[in-house]
Amino acid sequence: IGVVEEVGAEVGRSMAESLGPDDIHRSFHSAIQMVADALTSHGFAARAVRSDGDQLRIVSEHCPFGSAPIDHPVICAVDRGLVKGMLAALYGETTTDLSSSLPMGDTVCITDISA
């Protein structure tokens, strides 16, 4: 899974580089919003939200891979990698944790993010 996540991170970094100049400083929140917008433009129907515990997260209400992750959960590592790679390019290193996903039996995918 680590290799798959790293491939996703490489793609995520490339996606972020196409979003704007590297020399613009972005806040943690604005970087997460940009990632959610980029994911939405690629079919994830994602949005940035704050949890009850004030945790920033990305909620994806649609998976462009359909039901494939249910049988092949490794696909979720690509999603985690995309988020991690985009945030690294837009903000800096972060920690991501998938707390909800289709393979876990949930209806949405939630990636919790810590700076």
PDB file of N, CA and C in Angstrom:
ATOM      1  N   ILE A   1       0.830  -1.194   0.000  1.00  0.00           N
ATOM      2  CA  ILE A   1       0.000   0.000   0.000  1.00  0.00           C
ATOM      3  C   ILE A   1       0.870   1.253   0.000  1.00  0.00           C
ATOM      4  N   GLY A   2       2.029   1.221   0.660  1.00  0.00           N
ATOM      5  CA  GLY A   2       2.913   2.374   0.717  1.00  0.00           C
ATOM      6  C   GLY A   2       3.345   2.852  -0.661  1.00  0.00           C
ATOM      7  N   VAL A   3       3.640   1.904  -1.560  1.00  0.00           N
ATOM      8  CA  VAL A   3       4.048   2.267  -2.918  1.00  0.00           C
ATOM      9  C   VAL A   3       2.889   2.915  -3.665  1.00  0.00           C
ATOM     10  N   VAL A   4       1.695   2.368  -3.501  1.00  0.00           N
ATOM     11  CA  VAL A   4       0.518   2.915  -4.167  1.00  0.00           C
ATOM     12  C   VAL A   4       0.230   4.328  -3.653  1.00  0.00           C
ATOM     13  N   GLU A   5       0.355   4.526  -2.342  1.00  0.00           N
ATOM     14  CA  GLU A   5       0.127   5.852  -1.776  1.00  0.00           C
ATOM     15  C   GLU A   5       1.168   6.845  -2.291  1.00  0.00           C
ATOM     16  N   GLU A   6       2.420   6.388  -2.443  1.00  0.00           N
ATOM     17  CA  GLU A   6       3.469   7.282  -2.948  1.00  0.00           C
ATOM     18  C   GLU A   6       3.217   7.662  -4.407  1.00  0.00           C
ATOM     19  N   VAL A   7       2.703   6.739  -5.203  1.00  0.00           N
ATOM     20  CA  VAL A   7       2.335   7.066  -6.586  1.00  0.00           C
ATOM     21  C   VAL A   7       1.236   8.129  -6.581  1.00  0.00           C
ATOM     22  N   GLY A   8       0.241   7.953  -5.724  1.00  0.00           N
ATOM     23  CA  GLY A   8      -0.814   8.955  -5.593  1.00  0.00           C
ATOM     24  C   GLY A   8      -0.250  10.299  -5.165  1.00  0.00           C
ATOM     25  N   ALA A   9       0.731  10.290  -4.249  1.00  0.00           N
ATOM     26  CA  ALA A   9       1.341  11.533  -3.776  1.00  0.00           C
ATOM     27  C   ALA A   9       2.081  12.245  -4.903  1.00  0.00           C
ATOM     28  N   GLU A  10       2.766  11.484  -5.754  1.00  0.00           N
ATOM     29  CA  GLU A  10       3.457  12.086  -6.907  1.00  0.00           C
ATOM     30  C   GLU A  10       2.458  12.760  -7.842  1.00  0.00           C
ATOM     31  N   VAL A  11       1.355  12.076  -8.111  1.00  0.00           N
ATOM     32  CA  VAL A  11       0.312  12.647  -8.966  1.00  0.00           C
ATOM     33  C   VAL A  11      -0.277  13.886  -8.283  1.00  0.00           C
ATOM     34  N   GLY A  12      -0.494  13.798  -6.977  1.00  0.00           N
ATOM     35  CA  GLY A  12      -1.029  14.929  -6.222  1.00  0.00           C
ATOM     36  C   GLY A  12      -0.113  16.145  -6.276  1.00  0.00           C
ATOM     37  N   ARG A  13       1.201  15.923  -6.149  1.00  0.00           N
ATOM     38  CA  ARG A  13       2.147  17.038  -6.239  1.00  0.00           C
ATOM     39  C   ARG A  13       2.079  17.679  -7.621  1.00  0.00           C
ATOM     40  N   SER A  14       1.991  16.862  -8.657  1.00  0.00           N
ATOM     41  CA  SER A  14       1.879  17.390 -10.026  1.00  0.00           C
ATOM     42  C   SER A  14       0.587  18.176 -10.204  1.00  0.00           C
ATOM     43  N   MET A  15      -0.507  17.658  -9.654  1.00  0.00           N
ATOM     44  CA  MET A  15      -1.786  18.369  -9.744  1.00  0.00           C
ATOM     45  C   MET A  15      -1.687  19.723  -9.053  1.00  0.00           C
ATOM     46  N   ALA A  16      -1.067  19.764  -7.877  1.00  0.00           N
ATOM     47  CA  ALA A  16      -0.957  21.010  -7.115  1.00  0.00           C
ATOM     48  C   ALA A  16      -0.095  22.029  -7.842  1.00  0.00           C
ATOM     49  N   GLU A  17       0.967  21.573  -8.479  1.00  0.00           N
ATOM     50  CA  GLU A  17       1.841  22.488  -9.198  1.00  0.00           C
ATOM     51  C   GLU A  17       1.110  23.192 -10.333  1.00  0.00           C
ATOM     52  N   SER A  18       0.084  22.564 -10.865  1.00  0.00           N
ATOM     53  CA  SER A  18      -0.679  23.181 -11.949  1.00  0.00           C
ATOM     54  C   SER A  18      -1.734  24.165 -11.430  1.00  0.00           C
ATOM     55  N   LEU A  19      -1.926  24.222 -10.101  1.00  0.00           N
ATOM     56  CA  LEU A  19      -2.958  25.083  -9.524  1.00  0.00           C
ATOM     57  C   LEU A  19      -2.524  26.530  -9.356  1.00  0.00           C
ATOM     58  N   GLY A  20      -1.230  26.798  -9.336  1.00  0.00           N
ATOM     59  CA  GLY A  20      -0.792  28.176  -9.162  1.00  0.00           C
ATOM     60  C   GLY A  20       0.675  28.264  -8.837  1.00  0.00           C
ATOM     61  N   PRO A  21       1.164  29.499  -8.745  1.00  0.00           N
ATOM     62  CA  PRO A  21       2.588  29.707  -8.470  1.00  0.00           C
ATOM     63  C   PRO A  21       3.015  29.125  -7.130  1.00  0.00           C
ATOM     64  N   ASP A  22       4.232  28.607  -7.084  1.00  0.00           N
ATOM     65  CA  ASP A  22       4.766  28.005  -5.864  1.00  0.00           C
ATOM     66  C   ASP A  22       5.078  29.024  -4.781  1.00  0.00           C
ATOM     67  N   ASP A  23       5.298  30.289  -5.161  1.00  0.00           N
ATOM     68  CA  ASP A  23       5.772  31.267  -4.188  1.00  0.00           C
ATOM     69  C   ASP A  23       4.650  31.903  -3.364  1.00  0.00           C
ATOM     70  N   ILE A  24       3.413  31.484  -3.560  1.00  0.00           N
ATOM     71  CA  ILE A  24       2.297  32.012  -2.781  1.00  0.00           C
ATOM     72  C   ILE A  24       2.172  31.196  -1.497  1.00  0.00           C
ATOM     73  N   HIS A  25       2.225  31.888  -0.355  1.00  0.00           N
ATOM     74  CA  HIS A  25       2.054  31.196   0.925  1.00  0.00           C
ATOM     75  C   HIS A  25       0.567  30.932   1.142  1.00  0.00           C
ATOM     76  N   ARG A  26       0.229  29.725   1.458  1.00  0.00           N
ATOM     77  CA  ARG A  26      -1.165  29.361   1.687  1.00  0.00           C
ATOM     78  C   ARG A  26      -1.347  28.948   3.136  1.00  0.00           C
ATOM     79  N   SER A  27      -2.477  29.314   3.691  1.00  0.00           N
ATOM     80  CA  SER A  27      -2.802  28.847   5.034  1.00  0.00           C
ATOM     81  C   SER A  27      -3.180  27.371   4.936  1.00  0.00           C
ATOM     82  N   PHE A  28      -3.146  26.714   6.078  1.00  0.00           N
ATOM     83  CA  PHE A  28      -3.511  25.305   6.141  1.00  0.00           C
ATOM     84  C   PHE A  28      -4.935  25.117   5.614  1.00  0.00           C
ATOM     85  N   HIS A  29      -5.861  25.963   6.070  1.00  0.00           N
ATOM     86  CA  HIS A  29      -7.256  25.847   5.655  1.00  0.00           C
ATOM     87  C   HIS A  29      -7.423  26.100   4.156  1.00  0.00           C
ATOM     88  N   SER A  30      -6.770  27.132   3.610  1.00  0.00           N
ATOM     89  CA  SER A  30      -6.936  27.416   2.175  1.00  0.00           C
ATOM     90  C   SER A  30      -6.318  26.313   1.327  1.00  0.00           C
ATOM     91  N   ALA A  31      -5.230  25.704   1.801  1.00  0.00           N
ATOM     92  CA  ALA A  31      -4.623  24.590   1.066  1.00  0.00           C
ATOM     93  C   ALA A  31      -5.582  23.400   1.025  1.00  0.00           C
ATOM     94  N   ILE A  32      -6.228  23.115   2.158  1.00  0.00           N
ATOM     95  CA  ILE A  32      -7.188  22.005   2.196  1.00  0.00           C
ATOM     96  C   ILE A  32      -8.366  22.297   1.273  1.00  0.00           C
ATOM     97  N   GLN A  33      -8.829  23.542   1.254  1.00  0.00           N
ATOM     98  CA  GLN A  33      -9.934  23.916   0.365  1.00  0.00           C
ATOM     99  C   GLN A  33      -9.535  23.724  -1.097  1.00  0.00           C
ATOM    100  N   MET A  34      -8.295  24.104  -1.445  1.00  0.00           N
ATOM    101  CA  MET A  34      -7.821  23.923  -2.823  1.00  0.00           C
ATOM    102  C   MET A  34      -7.770  22.444  -3.186  1.00  0.00           C
ATOM    103  N   VAL A  35      -7.350  21.603  -2.233  1.00  0.00           N
ATOM    104  CA  VAL A  35      -7.304  20.154  -2.478  1.00  0.00           C
ATOM    105  C   VAL A  35      -8.721  19.621  -2.699  1.00  0.00           C
ATOM    106  N   ALA A  36      -9.669  20.040  -1.866  1.00  0.00           N
ATOM    107  CA  ALA A  36     -11.057  19.583  -2.025  1.00  0.00           C
ATOM    108  C   ALA A  36     -11.604  20.011  -3.380  1.00  0.00           C
ATOM    109  N   ASP A  37     -11.314  21.248  -3.788  1.00  0.00           N
ATOM    110  CA  ASP A  37     -11.783  21.730  -5.099  1.00  0.00           C
ATOM    111  C   ASP A  37     -11.161  20.922  -6.234  1.00  0.00           C
ATOM    112  N   ALA A  38      -9.868  20.616  -6.126  1.00  0.00           N
ATOM    113  CA  ALA A  38      -9.188  19.834  -7.168  1.00  0.00           C
ATOM    114  C   ALA A  38      -9.759  18.416  -7.239  1.00  0.00           C
ATOM    115  N   LEU A  39     -10.002  17.810  -6.075  1.00  0.00           N
ATOM    116  CA  LEU A  39     -10.599  16.473  -6.062  1.00  0.00           C
ATOM    117  C   LEU A  39     -11.989  16.486  -6.693  1.00  0.00           C
ATOM    118  N   THR A  40     -12.769  17.526  -6.392  1.00  0.00           N
ATOM    119  CA  THR A  40     -14.107  17.646  -6.970  1.00  0.00           C
ATOM    120  C   THR A  40     -14.027  17.739  -8.484  1.00  0.00           C
ATOM    121  N   SER A  41     -13.062  18.490  -8.989  1.00  0.00           N
ATOM    122  CA  SER A  41     -12.929  18.616 -10.442  1.00  0.00           C
ATOM    123  C   SER A  41     -12.526  17.294 -11.093  1.00  0.00           C
ATOM    124  N   HIS A  42     -12.063  16.332 -10.279  1.00  0.00           N
ATOM    125  CA  HIS A  42     -11.697  15.013 -10.791  1.00  0.00           C
ATOM    126  C   HIS A  42     -12.722  13.948 -10.403  1.00  0.00           C
ATOM    127  N   GLY A  43     -13.921  14.385  -9.992  1.00  0.00           N
ATOM    128  CA  GLY A  43     -15.020  13.442  -9.789  1.00  0.00           C
ATOM    129  C   GLY A  43     -15.257  12.959  -8.381  1.00  0.00           C
ATOM    130  N   PHE A  44     -14.575  13.523  -7.370  1.00  0.00           N
ATOM    131  CA  PHE A  44     -14.731  13.032  -6.006  1.00  0.00           C
ATOM    132  C   PHE A  44     -15.865  13.690  -5.225  1.00  0.00           C
ATOM    133  N   ALA A  45     -16.420  14.809  -5.697  1.00  0.00           N
ATOM    134  CA  ALA A  45     -17.442  15.557  -4.954  1.00  0.00           C
ATOM    135  C   ALA A  45     -16.971  15.790  -3.523  1.00  0.00           C
ATOM    136  N   ALA A  46     -15.802  16.426  -3.389  1.00  0.00           N
ATOM    137  CA  ALA A  46     -15.162  16.612  -2.091  1.00  0.00           C
ATOM    138  C   ALA A  46     -15.425  18.006  -1.538  1.00  0.00           C
ATOM    139  N   ARG A  47     -15.379  18.087  -0.206  1.00  0.00           N
ATOM    140  CA  ARG A  47     -15.503  19.386   0.450  1.00  0.00           C
ATOM    141  C   ARG A  47     -14.655  19.375   1.713  1.00  0.00           C
ATOM    142  N   ALA A  48     -14.144  20.538   2.064  1.00  0.00           N
ATOM    143  CA  ALA A  48     -13.369  20.695   3.295  1.00  0.00           C
ATOM    144  C   ALA A  48     -14.320  21.054   4.418  1.00  0.00           C
ATOM    145  N   VAL A  49     -14.196  20.376   5.547  1.00  0.00           N
ATOM    146  CA  VAL A  49     -15.052  20.643   6.700  1.00  0.00           C
ATOM    147  C   VAL A  49     -14.238  20.572   7.989  1.00  0.00           C
ATOM    148  N   ARG A  50     -14.812  21.109   9.039  1.00  0.00           N
ATOM    149  CA  ARG A  50     -14.252  20.976  10.380  1.00  0.00           C
ATOM    150  C   ARG A  50     -15.117  20.004  11.155  1.00  0.00           C
ATOM    151  N   SER A  51     -14.495  19.048  11.817  1.00  0.00           N
ATOM    152  CA  SER A  51     -15.254  18.100  12.633  1.00  0.00           C
ATOM    153  C   SER A  51     -15.661  18.772  13.943  1.00  0.00           C
ATOM    154  N   ASP A  52     -16.468  18.077  14.724  1.00  0.00           N
ATOM    155  CA  ASP A  52     -16.888  18.603  16.023  1.00  0.00           C
ATOM    156  C   ASP A  52     -15.686  18.887  16.915  1.00  0.00           C
ATOM    157  N   GLY A  53     -14.635  18.091  16.768  1.00  0.00           N
ATOM    158  CA  GLY A  53     -13.435  18.275  17.568  1.00  0.00           C
ATOM    159  C   GLY A  53     -12.466  19.266  16.950  1.00  0.00           C
ATOM    160  N   ASP A  54     -12.924  20.070  15.987  1.00  0.00           N
ATOM    161  CA  ASP A  54     -12.132  21.099  15.319  1.00  0.00           C
ATOM    162  C   ASP A  54     -11.043  20.516  14.400  1.00  0.00           C
ATOM    163  N   GLN A  55     -11.176  19.251  14.039  1.00  0.00           N
ATOM    164  CA  GLN A  55     -10.248  18.596  13.105  1.00  0.00           C
ATOM    165  C   GLN A  55     -10.627  18.989  11.680  1.00  0.00           C
ATOM    166  N   LEU A  56      -9.646  19.391  10.875  1.00  0.00           N
ATOM    167  CA  LEU A  56      -9.922  19.659   9.462  1.00  0.00           C
ATOM    168  C   LEU A  56      -9.914  18.345   8.713  1.00  0.00           C
ATOM    169  N   ARG A  57     -10.847  18.220   7.798  1.00  0.00           N
ATOM    170  CA  ARG A  57     -10.963  16.970   7.043  1.00  0.00           C
ATOM    171  C   ARG A  57     -11.516  17.248   5.656  1.00  0.00           C
ATOM    172  N   ILE A  58     -11.300  16.283   4.783  1.00  0.00           N
ATOM    173  CA  ILE A  58     -11.888  16.326   3.450  1.00  0.00           C
ATOM    174  C   ILE A  58     -12.898  15.190   3.371  1.00  0.00           C
ATOM    175  N   VAL A  59     -14.123  15.542   3.040  1.00  0.00           N
ATOM    176  CA  VAL A  59     -15.187  14.559   2.894  1.00  0.00           C
ATOM    177  C   VAL A  59     -15.471  14.405   1.405  1.00  0.00           C
ATOM    178  N   SER A  60     -15.343  13.186   0.909  1.00  0.00           N
ATOM    179  CA  SER A  60     -15.629  12.886  -0.503  1.00  0.00           C
ATOM    180  C   SER A  60     -16.924  12.091  -0.552  1.00  0.00           C
ATOM    181  N   GLU A  61     -17.929  12.681  -1.175  1.00  0.00           N
ATOM    182  CA  GLU A  61     -19.243  12.046  -1.214  1.00  0.00           C
ATOM    183  C   GLU A  61     -19.463  11.190  -2.449  1.00  0.00           C
ATOM    184  N   HIS A  62     -18.510  11.189  -3.361  1.00  0.00           N
ATOM    185  CA  HIS A  62     -18.619  10.365  -4.559  1.00  0.00           C
ATOM    186  C   HIS A  62     -17.247   9.824  -4.909  1.00  0.00           C
ATOM    187  N   CYS A  63     -17.167   8.543  -5.179  1.00  0.00           N
ATOM    188  CA  CYS A  63     -15.904   7.935  -5.568  1.00  0.00           C
ATOM    189  C   CYS A  63     -15.899   7.735  -7.082  1.00  0.00           C
ATOM    190  N   PRO A  64     -14.948   8.354  -7.787  1.00  0.00           N
ATOM    191  CA  PRO A  64     -14.915   8.189  -9.238  1.00  0.00           C
ATOM    192  C   PRO A  64     -14.547   6.765  -9.663  1.00  0.00           C
ATOM    193  N   PHE A  65     -14.107   5.955  -8.696  1.00  0.00           N
ATOM    194  CA  PHE A  65     -13.761   4.558  -8.995  1.00  0.00           C
ATOM    195  C   PHE A  65     -14.954   3.627  -8.814  1.00  0.00           C
ATOM    196  N   GLY A  66     -16.127   4.208  -8.515  1.00  0.00           N
ATOM    197  CA  GLY A  66     -17.340   3.407  -8.337  1.00  0.00           C
ATOM    198  C   GLY A  66     -17.230   2.514  -7.118  1.00  0.00           C
ATOM    199  N   SER A  67     -17.636   1.275  -7.258  1.00  0.00           N
ATOM    200  CA  SER A  67     -17.585   0.343  -6.132  1.00  0.00           C
ATOM    201  C   SER A  67     -16.288  -0.461  -6.107  1.00  0.00           C
ATOM    202  N   ALA A  68     -15.367  -0.189  -7.018  1.00  0.00           N
ATOM    203  CA  ALA A  68     -14.100  -0.936  -7.079  1.00  0.00           C
ATOM    204  C   ALA A  68     -13.332  -0.946  -5.758  1.00  0.00           C
ATOM    205  N   PRO A  69     -13.302   0.166  -4.989  1.00  0.00           N
ATOM    206  CA  PRO A  69     -12.562   0.127  -3.724  1.00  0.00           C
ATOM    207  C   PRO A  69     -13.097  -0.886  -2.712  1.00  0.00           C
ATOM    208  N   ILE A  70     -14.361  -1.247  -2.827  1.00  0.00           N
ATOM    209  CA  ILE A  70     -14.912  -2.230  -1.895  1.00  0.00           C
ATOM    210  C   ILE A  70     -14.181  -3.561  -2.056  1.00  0.00           C
ATOM    211  N   ASP A  71     -13.928  -3.957  -3.287  1.00  0.00           N
ATOM    212  CA  ASP A  71     -13.207  -5.203  -3.548  1.00  0.00           C
ATOM    213  C   ASP A  71     -11.693  -5.015  -3.573  1.00  0.00           C
ATOM    214  N   HIS A  72     -11.249  -3.781  -3.816  1.00  0.00           N
ATOM    215  CA  HIS A  72      -9.815  -3.483  -3.926  1.00  0.00           C
ATOM    216  C   HIS A  72      -9.488  -2.245  -3.090  1.00  0.00           C
ATOM    217  N   PRO A  73      -9.458  -2.378  -1.755  1.00  0.00           N
ATOM    218  CA  PRO A  73      -9.257  -1.217  -0.889  1.00  0.00           C
ATOM    219  C   PRO A  73      -7.940  -0.477  -1.118  1.00  0.00           C
ATOM    220  N   VAL A  74      -7.007  -1.105  -1.799  1.00  0.00           N
ATOM    221  CA  VAL A  74      -5.738  -0.433  -2.086  1.00  0.00           C
ATOM    222  C   VAL A  74      -5.963   0.846  -2.894  1.00  0.00           C
ATOM    223  N   ILE A  75      -7.079   0.926  -3.607  1.00  0.00           N
ATOM    224  CA  ILE A  75      -7.415   2.133  -4.376  1.00  0.00           C
ATOM    225  C   ILE A  75      -7.506   3.342  -3.444  1.00  0.00           C
ATOM    226  N   CYS A  76      -7.948   3.121  -2.208  1.00  0.00           N
ATOM    227  CA  CYS A  76      -8.057   4.222  -1.246  1.00  0.00           C
ATOM    228  C   CYS A  76      -6.691   4.811  -0.923  1.00  0.00           C
ATOM    229  N   ALA A  77      -5.636   4.024  -1.054  1.00  0.00           N
ATOM    230  CA  ALA A  77      -4.286   4.537  -0.817  1.00  0.00           C
ATOM    231  C   ALA A  77      -3.920   5.578  -1.871  1.00  0.00           C
ATOM    232  N   VAL A  78      -4.446   5.418  -3.083  1.00  0.00           N
ATOM    233  CA  VAL A  78      -4.213   6.415  -4.131  1.00  0.00           C
ATOM    234  C   VAL A  78      -4.849   7.733  -3.708  1.00  0.00           C
ATOM    235  N   ASP A  79      -6.075   7.683  -3.210  1.00  0.00           N
ATOM    236  CA  ASP A  79      -6.783   8.875  -2.744  1.00  0.00           C
ATOM    237  C   ASP A  79      -6.000   9.560  -1.626  1.00  0.00           C
ATOM    238  N   ARG A  80      -5.563   8.784  -0.623  1.00  0.00           N
ATOM    239  CA  ARG A  80      -4.757   9.348   0.476  1.00  0.00           C
ATOM    240  C   ARG A  80      -3.486   9.988  -0.073  1.00  0.00           C
ATOM    241  N   GLY A  81      -2.864   9.330  -1.034  1.00  0.00           N
ATOM    242  CA  GLY A  81      -1.651   9.867  -1.641  1.00  0.00           C
ATOM    243  C   GLY A  81      -1.898  11.168  -2.380  1.00  0.00           C
ATOM    244  N   LEU A  82      -3.014  11.247  -3.123  1.00  0.00           N
ATOM    245  CA  LEU A  82      -3.352  12.490  -3.824  1.00  0.00           C
ATOM    246  C   LEU A  82      -3.465  13.651  -2.844  1.00  0.00           C
ATOM    247  N   VAL A  83      -4.182  13.420  -1.750  1.00  0.00           N
ATOM    248  CA  VAL A  83      -4.368  14.466  -0.746  1.00  0.00           C
ATOM    249  C   VAL A  83      -3.015  14.851  -0.146  1.00  0.00           C
ATOM    250  N   LYS A  84      -2.237  13.859   0.249  1.00  0.00           N
ATOM    251  CA  LYS A  84      -0.941  14.112   0.876  1.00  0.00           C
ATOM    252  C   LYS A  84      -0.005  14.869  -0.069  1.00  0.00           C
ATOM    253  N   GLY A  85       0.041  14.457  -1.337  1.00  0.00           N
ATOM    254  CA  GLY A  85       0.910  15.102  -2.312  1.00  0.00           C
ATOM    255  C   GLY A  85       0.501  16.530  -2.617  1.00  0.00           C
ATOM    256  N   MET A  86      -0.798  16.758  -2.792  1.00  0.00           N
ATOM    257  CA  MET A  86      -1.258  18.118  -3.059  1.00  0.00           C
ATOM    258  C   MET A  86      -0.976  19.032  -1.873  1.00  0.00           C
ATOM    259  N   LEU A  87      -1.259  18.553  -0.658  1.00  0.00           N
ATOM    260  CA  LEU A  87      -1.010  19.383   0.517  1.00  0.00           C
ATOM    261  C   LEU A  87       0.479  19.663   0.707  1.00  0.00           C
ATOM    262  N   ALA A  88       1.325  18.685   0.411  1.00  0.00           N
ATOM    263  CA  ALA A  88       2.769  18.906   0.532  1.00  0.00           C
ATOM    264  C   ALA A  88       3.217  20.031  -0.388  1.00  0.00           C
ATOM    265  N   ALA A  89       2.672  20.072  -1.598  1.00  0.00           N
ATOM    266  CA  ALA A  89       3.059  21.109  -2.559  1.00  0.00           C
ATOM    267  C   ALA A  89       2.427  22.455  -2.236  1.00  0.00           C
ATOM    268  N   LEU A  90       1.222  22.455  -1.690  1.00  0.00           N
ATOM    269  CA  LEU A  90       0.499  23.705  -1.438  1.00  0.00           C
ATOM    270  C   LEU A  90       0.771  24.314  -0.069  1.00  0.00           C
ATOM    271  N   TYR A  91       1.095  23.451   0.915  1.00  0.00           N
ATOM    272  CA  TYR A  91       1.227  23.936   2.285  1.00  0.00           C
ATOM    273  C   TYR A  91       2.530  23.472   2.942  1.00  0.00           C
ATOM    274  N   GLY A  92       2.784  22.187   2.870  1.00  0.00           N
ATOM    275  CA  GLY A  92       3.918  21.573   3.563  1.00  0.00           C
ATOM    276  C   GLY A  92       3.496  20.182   4.019  1.00  0.00           C
ATOM    277  N   GLU A  93       4.362  19.534   4.738  1.00  0.00           N
ATOM    278  CA  GLU A  93       4.067  18.165   5.172  1.00  0.00           C
ATOM    279  C   GLU A  93       2.899  18.126   6.153  1.00  0.00           C
ATOM    280  N   THR A  94       2.041  17.155   5.967  1.00  0.00           N
ATOM    281  CA  THR A  94       0.883  16.955   6.831  1.00  0.00           C
ATOM    282  C   THR A  94       0.747  15.467   7.128  1.00  0.00           C
ATOM    283  N   THR A  95      -0.114  15.155   8.063  1.00  0.00           N
ATOM    284  CA  THR A  95      -0.447  13.772   8.372  1.00  0.00           C
ATOM    285  C   THR A  95      -1.886  13.551   7.938  1.00  0.00           C
ATOM    286  N   THR A  96      -2.128  12.469   7.210  1.00  0.00           N
ATOM    287  CA  THR A  96      -3.490  12.157   6.770  1.00  0.00           C
ATOM    288  C   THR A  96      -3.904  10.800   7.321  1.00  0.00           C
ATOM    289  N   ASP A  97      -5.177  10.688   7.648  1.00  0.00           N
ATOM    290  CA  ASP A  97      -5.712   9.437   8.167  1.00  0.00           C
ATOM    291  C   ASP A  97      -7.104   9.237   7.593  1.00  0.00           C
ATOM    292  N   LEU A  98      -7.314   8.121   6.932  1.00  0.00           N
ATOM    293  CA  LEU A  98      -8.621   7.806   6.362  1.00  0.00           C
ATOM    294  C   LEU A  98      -9.496   7.241   7.472  1.00  0.00           C
ATOM    295  N   SER A  99     -10.497   8.018   7.914  1.00  0.00           N
ATOM    296  CA  SER A  99     -11.331   7.579   9.029  1.00  0.00           C
ATOM    297  C   SER A  99     -12.668   7.002   8.579  1.00  0.00           C
ATOM    298  N   SER A 100     -12.971   7.108   7.296  1.00  0.00           N
ATOM    299  CA  SER A 100     -14.226   6.597   6.756  1.00  0.00           C
ATOM    300  C   SER A 100     -14.000   6.291   5.285  1.00  0.00           C
ATOM    301  N   SER A 101     -14.503   5.154   4.814  1.00  0.00           N
ATOM    302  CA  SER A 101     -14.326   4.805   3.402  1.00  0.00           C
ATOM    303  C   SER A 101     -15.339   3.755   2.973  1.00  0.00           C
ATOM    304  N   LEU A 102     -15.477   3.578   1.672  1.00  0.00           N
ATOM    305  CA  LEU A 102     -16.378   2.546   1.147  1.00  0.00           C
ATOM    306  C   LEU A 102     -15.961   1.152   1.630  1.00  0.00           C
ATOM    307  N   PRO A 103     -14.657   0.783   1.590  1.00  0.00           N
ATOM    308  CA  PRO A 103     -14.276  -0.541   2.077  1.00  0.00           C
ATOM    309  C   PRO A 103     -14.571  -0.755   3.565  1.00  0.00           C
ATOM    310  N   MET A 104     -14.651   0.335   4.340  1.00  0.00           N
ATOM    311  CA  MET A 104     -14.987   0.226   5.766  1.00  0.00           C
ATOM    312  C   MET A 104     -16.494   0.094   5.972  1.00  0.00           C
ATOM    313  N   GLY A 105     -17.259   0.179   4.872  1.00  0.00           N
ATOM    314  CA  GLY A 105     -18.711   0.068   4.960  1.00  0.00           C
ATOM    315  C   GLY A 105     -19.427   1.398   5.072  1.00  0.00           C
ATOM    316  N   ASP A 106     -18.679   2.490   4.887  1.00  0.00           N
ATOM    317  CA  ASP A 106     -19.269   3.822   4.993  1.00  0.00           C
ATOM    318  C   ASP A 106     -19.775   4.286   3.626  1.00  0.00           C
ATOM    319  N   THR A 107     -20.581   5.332   3.630  1.00  0.00           N
ATOM    320  CA  THR A 107     -21.121   5.867   2.368  1.00  0.00           C
ATOM    321  C   THR A 107     -20.296   7.036   1.831  1.00  0.00           C
ATOM    322  N   VAL A 108     -19.431   7.605   2.674  1.00  0.00           N
ATOM    323  CA  VAL A 108     -18.538   8.691   2.242  1.00  0.00           C
ATOM    324  C   VAL A 108     -17.114   8.351   2.689  1.00  0.00           C
ATOM    325  N   CYS A 109     -16.151   8.993   2.055  1.00  0.00           N
ATOM    326  CA  CYS A 109     -14.760   8.839   2.456  1.00  0.00           C
ATOM    327  C   CYS A 109     -14.344  10.108   3.183  1.00  0.00           C
ATOM    328  N   ILE A 110     -13.737   9.938   4.345  1.00  0.00           N
ATOM    329  CA  ILE A 110     -13.278  11.077   5.135  1.00  0.00           C
ATOM    330  C   ILE A 110     -11.794  10.925   5.398  1.00  0.00           C
ATOM    331  N   THR A 111     -11.047  11.958   5.027  1.00  0.00           N
ATOM    332  CA  THR A 111      -9.612  12.012   5.295  1.00  0.00           C
ATOM    333  C   THR A 111      -9.377  13.112   6.320  1.00  0.00           C
ATOM    334  N   ASP A 112      -8.934  12.723   7.522  1.00  0.00           N
ATOM    335  CA  ASP A 112      -8.603  13.675   8.568  1.00  0.00           C
ATOM    336  C   ASP A 112      -7.180  14.156   8.317  1.00  0.00           C
ATOM    337  N   ILE A 113      -6.950  15.457   8.522  1.00  0.00           N
ATOM    338  CA  ILE A 113      -5.663  16.058   8.182  1.00  0.00           C
ATOM    339  C   ILE A 113      -5.137  16.858   9.362  1.00  0.00           C
ATOM    340  N   SER A 114      -3.869  16.639   9.685  1.00  0.00           N
ATOM    341  CA  SER A 114      -3.188  17.386  10.737  1.00  0.00           C
ATOM    342  C   SER A 114      -1.926  18.008  10.169  1.00  0.00           C
ATOM    343  N   ALA A 115      -1.671  19.248  10.585  1.00  0.00           N
ATOM    344  CA  ALA A 115      -0.463  19.933  10.138  1.00  0.00           C
ATOM    345  C   ALA A 115       0.702  19.571  11.022  1.00  0.00           C
TER     346      ALA A 115
END
